[in-house]
Structures are given as C-alpha cells and as structure tokens.
N, C-alpha and C. Protein backbone atom coordinates (compact mmCIF):
# COMPACT_ATOMS: atom_id res chain seq x y z
N ASN A 1 88.93 98.34 82.08
CA ASN A 1 89.21 98.54 80.73
C ASN A 1 90.39 99.62 80.47
N PRO A 2 91.45 98.90 80.15
CA PRO A 2 92.88 99.74 79.97
C PRO A 2 92.61 100.92 78.97
N GLU A 3 91.76 100.74 78.10
CA GLU A 3 91.57 102.04 77.15
C GLU A 3 90.81 103.27 77.95
N LYS A 4 90.25 103.01 79.13
CA LYS A 4 89.87 104.10 79.76
C LYS A 4 90.65 104.52 81.03
N ILE A 5 91.66 104.35 80.88
CA ILE A 5 92.80 104.67 82.02
C ILE A 5 93.40 106.04 81.70
N SER A 6 93.73 106.92 82.51
CA SER A 6 94.47 108.16 82.31
C SER A 6 95.00 108.49 83.66
N GLU A 7 96.10 109.44 83.71
CA GLU A 7 96.63 109.68 84.93
C GLU A 7 96.85 111.29 84.84
N ALA A 8 96.61 111.81 86.12
CA ALA A 8 97.08 113.33 86.57
C ALA A 8 98.14 113.27 87.44
N ASN A 9 99.06 114.23 87.30
CA ASN A 9 100.07 114.49 88.37
C ASN A 9 99.49 115.62 89.06
N VAL A 10 99.79 115.47 90.23
CA VAL A 10 99.40 116.40 91.24
C VAL A 10 100.70 116.73 92.20
N TYR A 11 101.37 117.89 92.13
CA TYR A 11 102.34 118.34 92.74
C TYR A 11 102.09 119.26 93.98
N ILE A 12 102.80 118.99 95.01
CA ILE A 12 102.40 119.74 96.28
C ILE A 12 103.64 120.36 96.72
N GLN A 13 103.57 121.60 97.04
CA GLN A 13 104.60 122.45 97.45
C GLN A 13 104.40 122.63 99.16
N VAL A 14 105.28 122.52 99.80
CA VAL A 14 105.29 122.37 101.12
C VAL A 14 106.02 123.62 101.61
N LEU A 15 105.63 124.64 102.28
CA LEU A 15 106.30 125.74 102.68
C LEU A 15 106.46 125.67 104.26
N ASP A 16 107.76 125.47 104.91
CA ASP A 16 107.82 125.14 106.54
C ASP A 16 109.27 125.81 106.62
N VAL A 17 109.25 126.55 107.79
CA VAL A 17 110.51 127.27 108.32
C VAL A 17 111.01 126.39 109.46
N ASN A 18 110.31 125.39 109.95
CA ASN A 18 110.65 124.48 111.14
C ASN A 18 112.10 123.81 110.74
N ASP A 19 112.26 122.73 111.83
CA ASP A 19 113.59 122.03 111.77
C ASP A 19 112.92 120.74 110.61
N HIS A 20 111.69 120.39 110.87
CA HIS A 20 111.16 119.34 110.03
C HIS A 20 110.12 119.86 109.20
N ALA A 21 110.42 119.38 107.91
CA ALA A 21 109.10 119.75 107.11
C ALA A 21 107.90 118.76 107.29
N PRO A 22 106.70 119.28 106.98
CA PRO A 22 105.72 118.53 107.04
C PRO A 22 105.79 117.45 106.13
N GLU A 23 105.18 116.39 106.51
CA GLU A 23 105.02 115.11 105.42
C GLU A 23 103.93 114.30 105.57
N PHE A 24 103.56 113.44 104.39
CA PHE A 24 102.21 112.81 104.53
C PHE A 24 102.53 111.38 105.44
N PRO A 25 101.59 111.10 106.38
CA PRO A 25 101.84 110.07 107.19
C PRO A 25 101.72 108.57 106.48
N LYS A 26 101.33 108.71 105.10
CA LYS A 26 101.40 107.36 104.48
C LYS A 26 101.39 107.67 103.24
N TYR A 27 101.59 106.86 102.08
CA TYR A 27 101.63 106.98 100.73
C TYR A 27 100.24 106.83 100.25
N TYR A 28 100.05 108.00 99.47
CA TYR A 28 98.48 108.18 98.79
C TYR A 28 98.50 107.76 97.45
N GLU A 29 97.65 106.80 96.84
CA GLU A 29 97.54 106.63 95.61
C GLU A 29 96.00 106.59 95.11
N THR A 30 95.56 107.55 94.46
CA THR A 30 94.29 107.66 94.21
C THR A 30 93.71 107.19 92.87
N PHE A 31 92.61 106.70 92.90
CA PHE A 31 91.81 106.24 91.69
C PHE A 31 90.35 106.76 91.64
N VAL A 32 90.08 107.16 90.30
CA VAL A 32 88.84 107.86 90.23
C VAL A 32 88.14 106.87 89.04
N CYS A 33 86.87 106.32 89.74
CA CYS A 33 86.16 105.74 88.67
C CYS A 33 85.35 106.55 87.48
N GLU A 34 85.05 105.81 86.68
CA GLU A 34 84.61 106.47 85.34
C GLU A 34 83.06 106.90 85.64
N ASN A 35 82.47 106.31 86.68
CA ASN A 35 81.20 106.80 86.87
C ASN A 35 81.08 107.83 88.09
N ALA A 36 82.27 108.39 88.34
CA ALA A 36 82.28 109.35 89.54
C ALA A 36 81.47 110.73 89.19
N VAL A 37 80.77 111.39 89.92
CA VAL A 37 79.88 112.40 89.68
C VAL A 37 80.63 113.76 90.11
N SER A 38 80.46 114.88 89.35
CA SER A 38 80.88 116.25 89.65
C SER A 38 80.70 116.34 91.17
N GLY A 39 81.48 116.87 91.84
CA GLY A 39 81.49 117.21 93.28
C GLY A 39 81.67 116.13 94.31
N GLN A 40 81.93 114.84 93.59
CA GLN A 40 82.26 114.00 94.61
C GLN A 40 83.54 113.79 95.12
N LEU A 41 83.76 113.55 96.48
CA LEU A 41 84.92 113.45 97.37
C LEU A 41 85.69 112.20 96.50
N ILE A 42 86.99 112.61 96.40
CA ILE A 42 87.78 111.54 95.80
C ILE A 42 88.82 111.09 96.76
N GLN A 43 89.48 111.97 97.29
CA GLN A 43 90.47 111.60 98.20
C GLN A 43 90.59 112.73 99.29
N SER A 44 90.86 112.40 100.52
CA SER A 44 91.15 113.23 101.54
C SER A 44 92.67 112.85 101.95
N ILE A 45 93.41 114.02 102.19
CA ILE A 45 94.89 113.71 102.63
C ILE A 45 95.00 114.62 103.93
N SER A 46 96.10 114.29 104.75
CA SER A 46 96.49 114.90 105.79
C SER A 46 97.95 114.97 105.93
N ALA A 47 98.67 115.82 106.86
CA ALA A 47 100.11 115.82 106.92
C ALA A 47 100.43 115.92 108.35
N VAL A 48 101.69 115.55 108.68
CA VAL A 48 102.04 115.37 110.18
C VAL A 48 103.27 116.28 110.02
N ASP A 49 103.63 116.83 111.20
CA ASP A 49 104.89 117.55 111.16
C ASP A 49 105.51 117.25 112.81
N GLN A 50 106.71 116.74 112.58
CA GLN A 50 107.52 116.41 113.83
C GLN A 50 107.78 117.59 114.81
N ASP A 51 107.63 118.90 114.23
CA ASP A 51 107.83 119.88 115.06
C ASP A 51 106.47 120.52 115.61
N ASP A 52 105.47 119.49 115.57
CA ASP A 52 104.18 119.70 115.99
C ASP A 52 104.24 120.33 117.49
N SER A 53 103.56 121.50 117.63
CA SER A 53 103.48 122.09 118.89
C SER A 53 102.48 121.48 119.97
N ALA A 54 102.35 121.89 120.95
CA ALA A 54 101.28 121.40 121.81
C ALA A 54 99.76 121.92 121.46
N GLU A 55 99.69 122.96 120.82
CA GLU A 55 98.39 123.44 120.25
C GLU A 55 98.20 122.76 118.98
N GLY A 56 99.27 122.24 118.29
CA GLY A 56 99.04 121.63 116.86
C GLY A 56 99.13 122.61 115.90
N HIS A 57 99.04 122.19 114.72
CA HIS A 57 99.30 122.75 113.50
C HIS A 57 98.28 122.64 112.67
N HIS A 58 97.76 123.52 112.01
CA HIS A 58 96.62 123.59 110.87
C HIS A 58 97.36 123.51 109.60
N PHE A 59 97.20 122.65 108.57
CA PHE A 59 97.98 122.58 107.64
C PHE A 59 96.93 123.12 106.53
N TYR A 60 97.36 123.94 105.52
CA TYR A 60 96.62 124.45 104.56
C TYR A 60 97.10 123.82 103.13
N PHE A 61 96.23 123.23 102.43
CA PHE A 61 96.57 122.77 101.07
C PHE A 61 95.96 123.89 100.03
N SER A 62 96.77 123.85 99.04
CA SER A 62 96.05 124.68 97.89
C SER A 62 96.60 124.30 96.69
N LEU A 63 95.65 124.43 95.58
CA LEU A 63 96.14 124.35 94.06
C LEU A 63 97.44 125.51 93.66
N ALA A 64 98.16 124.82 92.79
CA ALA A 64 99.27 125.74 92.29
C ALA A 64 98.69 126.68 91.45
N GLN A 65 99.23 127.94 91.38
CA GLN A 65 98.73 129.16 90.80
C GLN A 65 98.23 128.75 89.39
N GLU A 66 99.13 127.87 88.55
CA GLU A 66 98.88 127.71 87.18
C GLU A 66 97.59 126.74 87.05
N ALA A 67 97.22 125.94 88.36
CA ALA A 67 95.98 125.22 88.25
C ALA A 67 94.83 125.68 88.54
N THR A 68 94.65 126.89 89.23
CA THR A 68 93.45 127.53 89.85
C THR A 68 92.33 127.58 88.80
N ASN A 69 92.80 127.65 87.45
CA ASN A 69 91.57 127.73 86.40
C ASN A 69 91.15 126.37 85.84
N ASN A 70 91.85 125.25 86.50
CA ASN A 70 91.30 123.86 86.13
C ASN A 70 90.26 123.52 86.78
N SER A 71 89.04 123.30 86.10
CA SER A 71 87.73 123.17 86.99
C SER A 71 87.69 121.50 87.36
N HIS A 72 88.75 120.79 87.03
CA HIS A 72 88.73 119.37 87.31
C HIS A 72 88.97 119.14 88.62
N PHE A 73 89.86 119.96 89.37
CA PHE A 73 90.36 119.81 90.71
C PHE A 73 89.99 120.91 91.51
N ILE A 74 89.58 120.59 92.79
CA ILE A 74 89.41 121.76 93.81
C ILE A 74 89.90 121.03 95.00
N VAL A 75 90.30 122.20 95.97
CA VAL A 75 90.85 121.71 97.24
C VAL A 75 90.00 122.36 98.14
N LYS A 76 89.40 121.67 99.23
CA LYS A 76 88.49 121.99 100.19
C LYS A 76 88.93 121.57 101.44
N ASP A 77 88.92 122.79 102.47
CA ASP A 77 89.52 122.61 103.82
C ASP A 77 88.40 122.04 104.55
N ASN A 78 88.61 120.77 105.11
CA ASN A 78 87.67 120.07 105.98
C ASN A 78 87.79 120.39 107.56
N LYS A 79 88.52 121.44 107.79
CA LYS A 79 88.67 122.02 109.09
C LYS A 79 89.00 121.05 110.28
N GLY A 80 89.72 119.90 109.87
CA GLY A 80 90.51 118.99 110.75
C GLY A 80 89.59 117.86 110.88
N SER A 81 88.47 117.78 110.32
CA SER A 81 87.61 116.65 110.46
C SER A 81 87.97 115.36 109.51
C-alpha cells in the first residue's frame, strides 16, 4: 500500500587511520513491515577492511550523537556472530 510507505536515512561515519577505510561487503537496502514488533531485528550489517590484520578487526557501530535520543533505532553489538 503506497500510502503506508516511509523512508529513514541512516548515516554512518567511519573512523579509520589505516590505508583503506572499512567498507560494507555489499549494498544494504532494508525494509520494515508494518506489522514489525518493538525489539524485532530488522537488519544486520557487517564491514570489511583491506588492512585487516591476522588477528582481525572488530568493528563498532553506533548511532550519531543527535540520534541517541531517538527511540526508533538502536544499535546492538552481536559480538561477531
């Protein structure tokens, strides 16, 4: 139903001092159904880094400071799983 469609932009700031910035391994496009319940997992994302060392990197994602009071979105670390 086109009358029930809305969009939300999510901006991601990447902080990296290596030669290659982390990047997403694929294009993510996320849709949320109107019957989604509070707390339901909507999208999982990951990042890759060409500078990846033998030990590997752990990426941290967070909401922008101005979005931290927005109860519509949360970021949860899945500890690499």
